[in-house]
């Protein structure tokens, strides 16, 4: 018995032989591609950006099964405060300007910081504690993907260098 199958004509014209393209990203590389595409299409996000001197501005750009894509603006001096993203994983990139991320260094527990510039994506796991600030003299814009969708952003306080603890309200508050 011969098990060979020959296809006459254009094999790509037979849809059941091709896997269906995913409607939404579901892997780190697919989310990174989503952010790269967004970065390459400033006409898609630039008209949406707003700057607010009192609060960091944010706008949900897209959502799909279990994920959200957010656009954030940062005026000089604005920051996130030390926080984590609960059970969500994340990936962020700077679209314009630059941001400084501070986190706890592995090993000795000290603090490390890195400057995030356009073209670099930063991935983080659930429970990762960091803070982000615009230390530059010009406004910045960033895009963030959270998977699963962000349901909590736990603010943290630091009682000692490199040591992050959950923020607590004062007694009687």
C-alpha atoms as a PDB file:
ATOM      1  CA  UNK A   1       0.000   0.000   0.000  1.00  0.00           C
ATOM      2  CA  UNK A   2       1.358   3.399  -0.956  1.00  0.00           C
ATOM      3  CA  UNK A   3       0.930   6.166   1.656  1.00  0.00           C
ATOM      4  CA  UNK A   4       2.217   9.018  -0.501  1.00  0.00           C
ATOM      5  CA  UNK A   5      -0.198  11.860  -1.193  1.00  0.00           C
ATOM      6  CA  UNK A   6       0.340  14.102  -4.146  1.00  0.00           C
ATOM      7  CA  UNK A   7      -1.339  17.481  -4.375  1.00  0.00           C
ATOM      8  CA  UNK A   8      -2.157  18.894  -7.767  1.00  0.00           C
ATOM      9  CA  UNK A   9      -2.124  22.657  -8.101  1.00  0.00           C
ATOM     10  CA  UNK A  10      -1.495  25.140  -5.282  1.00  0.00           C
ATOM     11  CA  UNK A  11      -1.195  23.269  -1.972  1.00  0.00           C
ATOM     12  CA  UNK A  12      -1.763  26.527  -0.043  1.00  0.00           C
ATOM     13  CA  UNK A  13      -5.218  26.773  -1.578  1.00  0.00           C
ATOM     14  CA  UNK A  14      -6.341  23.814   0.504  1.00  0.00           C
ATOM     15  CA  UNK A  15      -7.183  25.507   3.820  1.00  0.00           C
ATOM     16  CA  UNK A  16      -7.506  22.384   5.947  1.00  0.00           C
ATOM     17  CA  UNK A  17      -3.789  21.670   5.416  1.00  0.00           C
ATOM     18  CA  UNK A  18      -2.787  24.946   7.075  1.00  0.00           C
ATOM     19  CA  UNK A  19      -3.031  25.691  10.776  1.00  0.00           C
ATOM     20  CA  UNK A  20      -5.458  28.495  11.539  1.00  0.00           C
ATOM     21  CA  UNK A  21      -3.620  31.713  12.342  1.00  0.00           C
ATOM     22  CA  UNK A  22      -4.127  32.689  15.972  1.00  0.00           C
ATOM     23  CA  UNK A  23      -6.580  35.542  16.497  1.00  0.00           C
ATOM     24  CA  UNK A  24      -4.684  36.770  19.570  1.00  0.00           C
ATOM     25  CA  UNK A  25      -1.125  36.473  20.865  1.00  0.00           C
ATOM     26  CA  UNK A  26      -0.551  33.890  23.580  1.00  0.00           C
ATOM     27  CA  UNK A  27       3.249  33.558  23.920  1.00  0.00           C
ATOM     28  CA  UNK A  28       6.034  35.870  25.021  1.00  0.00           C
ATOM     29  CA  UNK A  29       7.359  36.081  21.459  1.00  0.00           C
ATOM     30  CA  UNK A  30       3.871  36.871  20.109  1.00  0.00           C
ATOM     31  CA  UNK A  31       3.421  39.629  22.709  1.00  0.00           C
ATOM     32  CA  UNK A  32       6.878  41.003  21.857  1.00  0.00           C
ATOM     33  CA  UNK A  33       5.854  41.033  18.181  1.00  0.00           C
ATOM     34  CA  UNK A  34       2.667  42.902  19.153  1.00  0.00           C
ATOM     35  CA  UNK A  35       4.762  45.576  20.891  1.00  0.00           C
ATOM     36  CA  UNK A  36       7.225  45.797  17.961  1.00  0.00           C
ATOM     37  CA  UNK A  37       4.327  46.280  15.541  1.00  0.00           C
ATOM     38  CA  UNK A  38       2.882  48.999  17.764  1.00  0.00           C
ATOM     39  CA  UNK A  39       6.272  50.746  17.986  1.00  0.00           C
ATOM     40  CA  UNK A  40       6.532  50.667  14.191  1.00  0.00           C
ATOM     41  CA  UNK A  41       3.096  52.320  13.837  1.00  0.00           C
ATOM     42  CA  UNK A  42       3.324  55.625  15.761  1.00  0.00           C
ATOM     43  CA  UNK A  43       0.341  56.957  13.832  1.00  0.00           C
ATOM     44  CA  UNK A  44      -1.713  54.357  15.718  1.00  0.00           C
ATOM     45  CA  UNK A  45      -0.764  55.483  19.236  1.00  0.00           C
ATOM     46  CA  UNK A  46       0.582  59.061  19.056  1.00  0.00           C
ATOM     47  CA  UNK A  47      -2.839  60.718  18.563  1.00  0.00           C
ATOM     48  CA  UNK A  48      -4.092  58.965  21.708  1.00  0.00           C
ATOM     49  CA  UNK A  49      -1.319  60.139  24.063  1.00  0.00           C
ATOM     50  CA  UNK A  50      -2.229  62.677  26.723  1.00  0.00           C
ATOM     51  CA  UNK A  51      -0.017  64.198  29.400  1.00  0.00           C
ATOM     52  CA  UNK A  52      -1.340  65.014  32.845  1.00  0.00           C
ATOM     53  CA  UNK A  53       0.813  66.939  35.315  1.00  0.00           C
ATOM     54  CA  UNK A  54      -0.989  65.495  38.340  1.00  0.00           C
ATOM     55  CA  UNK A  55      -1.398  61.813  37.396  1.00  0.00           C
ATOM     56  CA  UNK A  56       0.252  59.356  35.058  1.00  0.00           C
ATOM     57  CA  UNK A  57      -2.034  58.967  32.064  1.00  0.00           C
ATOM     58  CA  UNK A  58      -2.946  55.524  30.694  1.00  0.00           C
ATOM     59  CA  UNK A  59      -5.219  54.131  28.005  1.00  0.00           C
ATOM     60  CA  UNK A  60      -6.159  50.540  27.194  1.00  0.00           C
ATOM     61  CA  UNK A  61      -5.314  50.029  23.510  1.00  0.00           C
ATOM     62  CA  UNK A  62      -6.462  46.444  23.073  1.00  0.00           C
ATOM     63  CA  UNK A  63      -7.564  43.343  24.868  1.00  0.00           C
ATOM     64  CA  UNK A  64      -7.991  39.731  23.964  1.00  0.00           C
ATOM     65  CA  UNK A  65      -8.570  36.442  25.702  1.00  0.00           C
ATOM     66  CA  UNK A  66      -6.799  36.959  29.021  1.00  0.00           C
ATOM     67  CA  UNK A  67      -4.514  39.862  28.052  1.00  0.00           C
ATOM     68  CA  UNK A  68      -4.539  43.653  27.895  1.00  0.00           C
ATOM     69  CA  UNK A  69      -2.360  46.154  26.025  1.00  0.00           C
ATOM     70  CA  UNK A  70      -1.935  49.554  27.700  1.00  0.00           C
ATOM     71  CA  UNK A  71      -0.414  52.848  26.565  1.00  0.00           C
ATOM     72  CA  UNK A  72       1.099  55.071  29.308  1.00  0.00           C
ATOM     73  CA  UNK A  73       2.570  58.556  29.265  1.00  0.00           C
ATOM     74  CA  UNK A  74       5.164  59.875  31.682  1.00  0.00           C
ATOM     75  CA  UNK A  75       6.086  63.516  32.223  1.00  0.00           C
ATOM     76  CA  UNK A  76       9.544  64.209  33.692  1.00  0.00           C
ATOM     77  CA  UNK A  77       9.572  63.129  37.337  1.00  0.00           C
ATOM     78  CA  UNK A  78       6.470  60.945  37.141  1.00  0.00           C
ATOM     79  CA  UNK A  79       6.833  57.410  38.425  1.00  0.00           C
ATOM     80  CA  UNK A  80       4.875  54.303  39.238  1.00  0.00           C
ATOM     81  CA  UNK A  81       5.980  53.783  42.820  1.00  0.00           C
ATOM     82  CA  UNK A  82       7.306  50.398  43.931  1.00  0.00           C
ATOM     83  CA  UNK A  83       4.784  47.732  42.960  1.00  0.00           C
ATOM     84  CA  UNK A  84       4.151  44.302  41.531  1.00  0.00           C
ATOM     85  CA  UNK A  85       1.493  43.077  39.104  1.00  0.00           C
ATOM     86  CA  UNK A  86      -0.029  40.306  41.198  1.00  0.00           C
ATOM     87  CA  UNK A  87      -0.433  37.092  39.216  1.00  0.00           C
ATOM     88  CA  UNK A  88       0.067  38.769  35.831  1.00  0.00           C
ATOM     89  CA  UNK A  89       3.108  38.392  33.641  1.00  0.00           C
ATOM     90  CA  UNK A  90       4.134  41.443  31.707  1.00  0.00           C
ATOM     91  CA  UNK A  91       6.101  42.833  28.853  1.00  0.00           C
ATOM     92  CA  UNK A  92       6.765  46.509  28.307  1.00  0.00           C
ATOM     93  CA  UNK A  93       8.609  48.696  25.857  1.00  0.00           C
ATOM     94  CA  UNK A  94       9.350  52.393  25.609  1.00  0.00           C
ATOM     95  CA  UNK A  95       7.872  53.955  22.491  1.00  0.00           C
ATOM     96  CA  UNK A  96       9.243  57.472  23.003  1.00  0.00           C
ATOM     97  CA  UNK A  97      11.749  58.977  25.426  1.00  0.00           C
ATOM     98  CA  UNK A  98      13.321  56.876  28.149  1.00  0.00           C
ATOM     99  CA  UNK A  99      12.378  55.472  31.541  1.00  0.00           C
ATOM    100  CA  UNK A 100      14.407  54.213  34.485  1.00  0.00           C
ATOM    101  CA  UNK A 101      13.419  50.947  36.134  1.00  0.00           C
ATOM    102  CA  UNK A 102      14.610  50.114  39.643  1.00  0.00           C
ATOM    103  CA  UNK A 103      14.348  46.625  41.086  1.00  0.00           C
ATOM    104  CA  UNK A 104      15.872  44.357  43.707  1.00  0.00           C
ATOM    105  CA  UNK A 105      19.094  42.728  42.510  1.00  0.00           C
ATOM    106  CA  UNK A 106      19.234  38.951  42.727  1.00  0.00           C
ATOM    107  CA  UNK A 107      21.794  37.524  45.071  1.00  0.00           C
ATOM    108  CA  UNK A 108      22.665  40.346  47.447  1.00  0.00           C
ATOM    109  CA  UNK A 109      19.225  42.037  47.554  1.00  0.00           C
ATOM    110  CA  UNK A 110      20.636  45.458  46.687  1.00  0.00           C
ATOM    111  CA  UNK A 111      18.952  47.787  44.237  1.00  0.00           C
ATOM    112  CA  UNK A 112      19.749  47.855  40.539  1.00  0.00           C
ATOM    113  CA  UNK A 113      18.521  50.256  37.923  1.00  0.00           C
ATOM    114  CA  UNK A 114      18.418  50.197  34.154  1.00  0.00           C
ATOM    115  CA  UNK A 115      17.479  52.771  31.562  1.00  0.00           C
ATOM    116  CA  UNK A 116      14.775  51.589  29.182  1.00  0.00           C
ATOM    117  CA  UNK A 117      14.919  53.101  25.703  1.00  0.00           C
ATOM    118  CA  UNK A 118      12.857  52.574  22.546  1.00  0.00           C
ATOM    119  CA  UNK A 119      13.493  49.239  20.869  1.00  0.00           C
ATOM    120  CA  UNK A 120      14.003  47.186  24.019  1.00  0.00           C
ATOM    121  CA  UNK A 121      11.275  45.047  25.568  1.00  0.00           C
ATOM    122  CA  UNK A 122      11.379  44.129  29.263  1.00  0.00           C
ATOM    123  CA  UNK A 123       9.547  40.988  30.391  1.00  0.00           C
ATOM    124  CA  UNK A 124       8.662  40.232  33.997  1.00  0.00           C
ATOM    125  CA  UNK A 125       7.149  37.346  35.929  1.00  0.00           C
ATOM    126  CA  UNK A 126       4.265  37.366  38.416  1.00  0.00           C
ATOM    127  CA  UNK A 127       5.234  39.007  41.714  1.00  0.00           C
ATOM    128  CA  UNK A 128       8.210  40.913  40.229  1.00  0.00           C
ATOM    129  CA  UNK A 129       8.689  44.097  42.301  1.00  0.00           C
ATOM    130  CA  UNK A 130       9.954  47.253  40.622  1.00  0.00           C
ATOM    131  CA  UNK A 131       9.333  50.924  40.165  1.00  0.00           C
ATOM    132  CA  UNK A 132       9.565  52.941  36.982  1.00  0.00           C
ATOM    133  CA  UNK A 133      10.218  56.675  36.717  1.00  0.00           C
ATOM    134  CA  UNK A 134      10.843  59.209  33.996  1.00  0.00           C
ATOM    135  CA  UNK A 135      14.201  60.595  35.147  1.00  0.00           C
ATOM    136  CA  UNK A 136      14.763  62.396  31.852  1.00  0.00           C
ATOM    137  CA  UNK A 137      13.904  65.985  30.956  1.00  0.00           C
ATOM    138  CA  UNK A 138      11.487  65.033  28.181  1.00  0.00           C
ATOM    139  CA  UNK A 139       8.142  63.177  28.220  1.00  0.00           C
ATOM    140  CA  UNK A 140       8.076  59.427  27.614  1.00  0.00           C
ATOM    141  CA  UNK A 141       5.489  56.965  26.294  1.00  0.00           C
ATOM    142  CA  UNK A 142       5.457  53.235  26.963  1.00  0.00           C
ATOM    143  CA  UNK A 143       3.326  50.226  26.033  1.00  0.00           C
ATOM    144  CA  UNK A 144       2.585  47.349  28.426  1.00  0.00           C
ATOM    145  CA  UNK A 145       1.062  43.911  27.866  1.00  0.00           C
ATOM    146  CA  UNK A 146      -0.285  41.993  30.854  1.00  0.00           C
ATOM    147  CA  UNK A 147      -1.203  38.292  30.688  1.00  0.00           C
ATOM    148  CA  UNK A 148      -3.478  37.338  32.275  1.00  0.00           C
ATOM    149  CA  UNK A 149      -5.132  40.749  32.258  1.00  0.00           C
ATOM    150  CA  UNK A 150      -4.025  42.954  35.143  1.00  0.00           C
ATOM    151  CA  UNK A 151      -6.384  42.573  38.088  1.00  0.00           C
ATOM    152  CA  UNK A 152      -4.181  44.010  40.812  1.00  0.00           C
ATOM    153  CA  UNK A 153      -1.167  46.240  41.184  1.00  0.00           C
ATOM    154  CA  UNK A 154       0.087  45.878  44.716  1.00  0.00           C
ATOM    155  CA  UNK A 155       1.951  48.938  45.936  1.00  0.00           C
ATOM    156  CA  UNK A 156       5.031  48.199  48.024  1.00  0.00           C
ATOM    157  CA  UNK A 157       7.077  50.149  50.502  1.00  0.00           C
ATOM    158  CA  UNK A 158      10.726  49.700  51.256  1.00  0.00           C
ATOM    159  CA  UNK A 159      11.816  49.514  54.887  1.00  0.00           C
ATOM    160  CA  UNK A 160      15.447  48.879  53.968  1.00  0.00           C
ATOM    161  CA  UNK A 161      17.474  49.154  50.757  1.00  0.00           C
ATOM    162  CA  UNK A 162      16.533  46.314  48.455  1.00  0.00           C
ATOM    163  CA  UNK A 163      13.779  45.010  50.729  1.00  0.00           C
ATOM    164  CA  UNK A 164      10.235  45.390  49.485  1.00  0.00           C
ATOM    165  CA  UNK A 165       7.267  44.774  51.738  1.00  0.00           C
ATOM    166  CA  UNK A 166       3.547  45.128  51.006  1.00  0.00           C
ATOM    167  CA  UNK A 167       2.352  48.667  51.673  1.00  0.00           C
ATOM    168  CA  UNK A 168       0.239  48.927  54.811  1.00  0.00           C
ATOM    169  CA  UNK A 169      -2.263  51.589  55.790  1.00  0.00           C
ATOM    170  CA  UNK A 170      -1.561  53.386  59.072  1.00  0.00           C
ATOM    171  CA  UNK A 171      -3.613  52.276  62.086  1.00  0.00           C
ATOM    172  CA  UNK A 172      -7.024  53.914  62.112  1.00  0.00           C
ATOM    173  CA  UNK A 173      -7.022  54.666  58.399  1.00  0.00           C
END
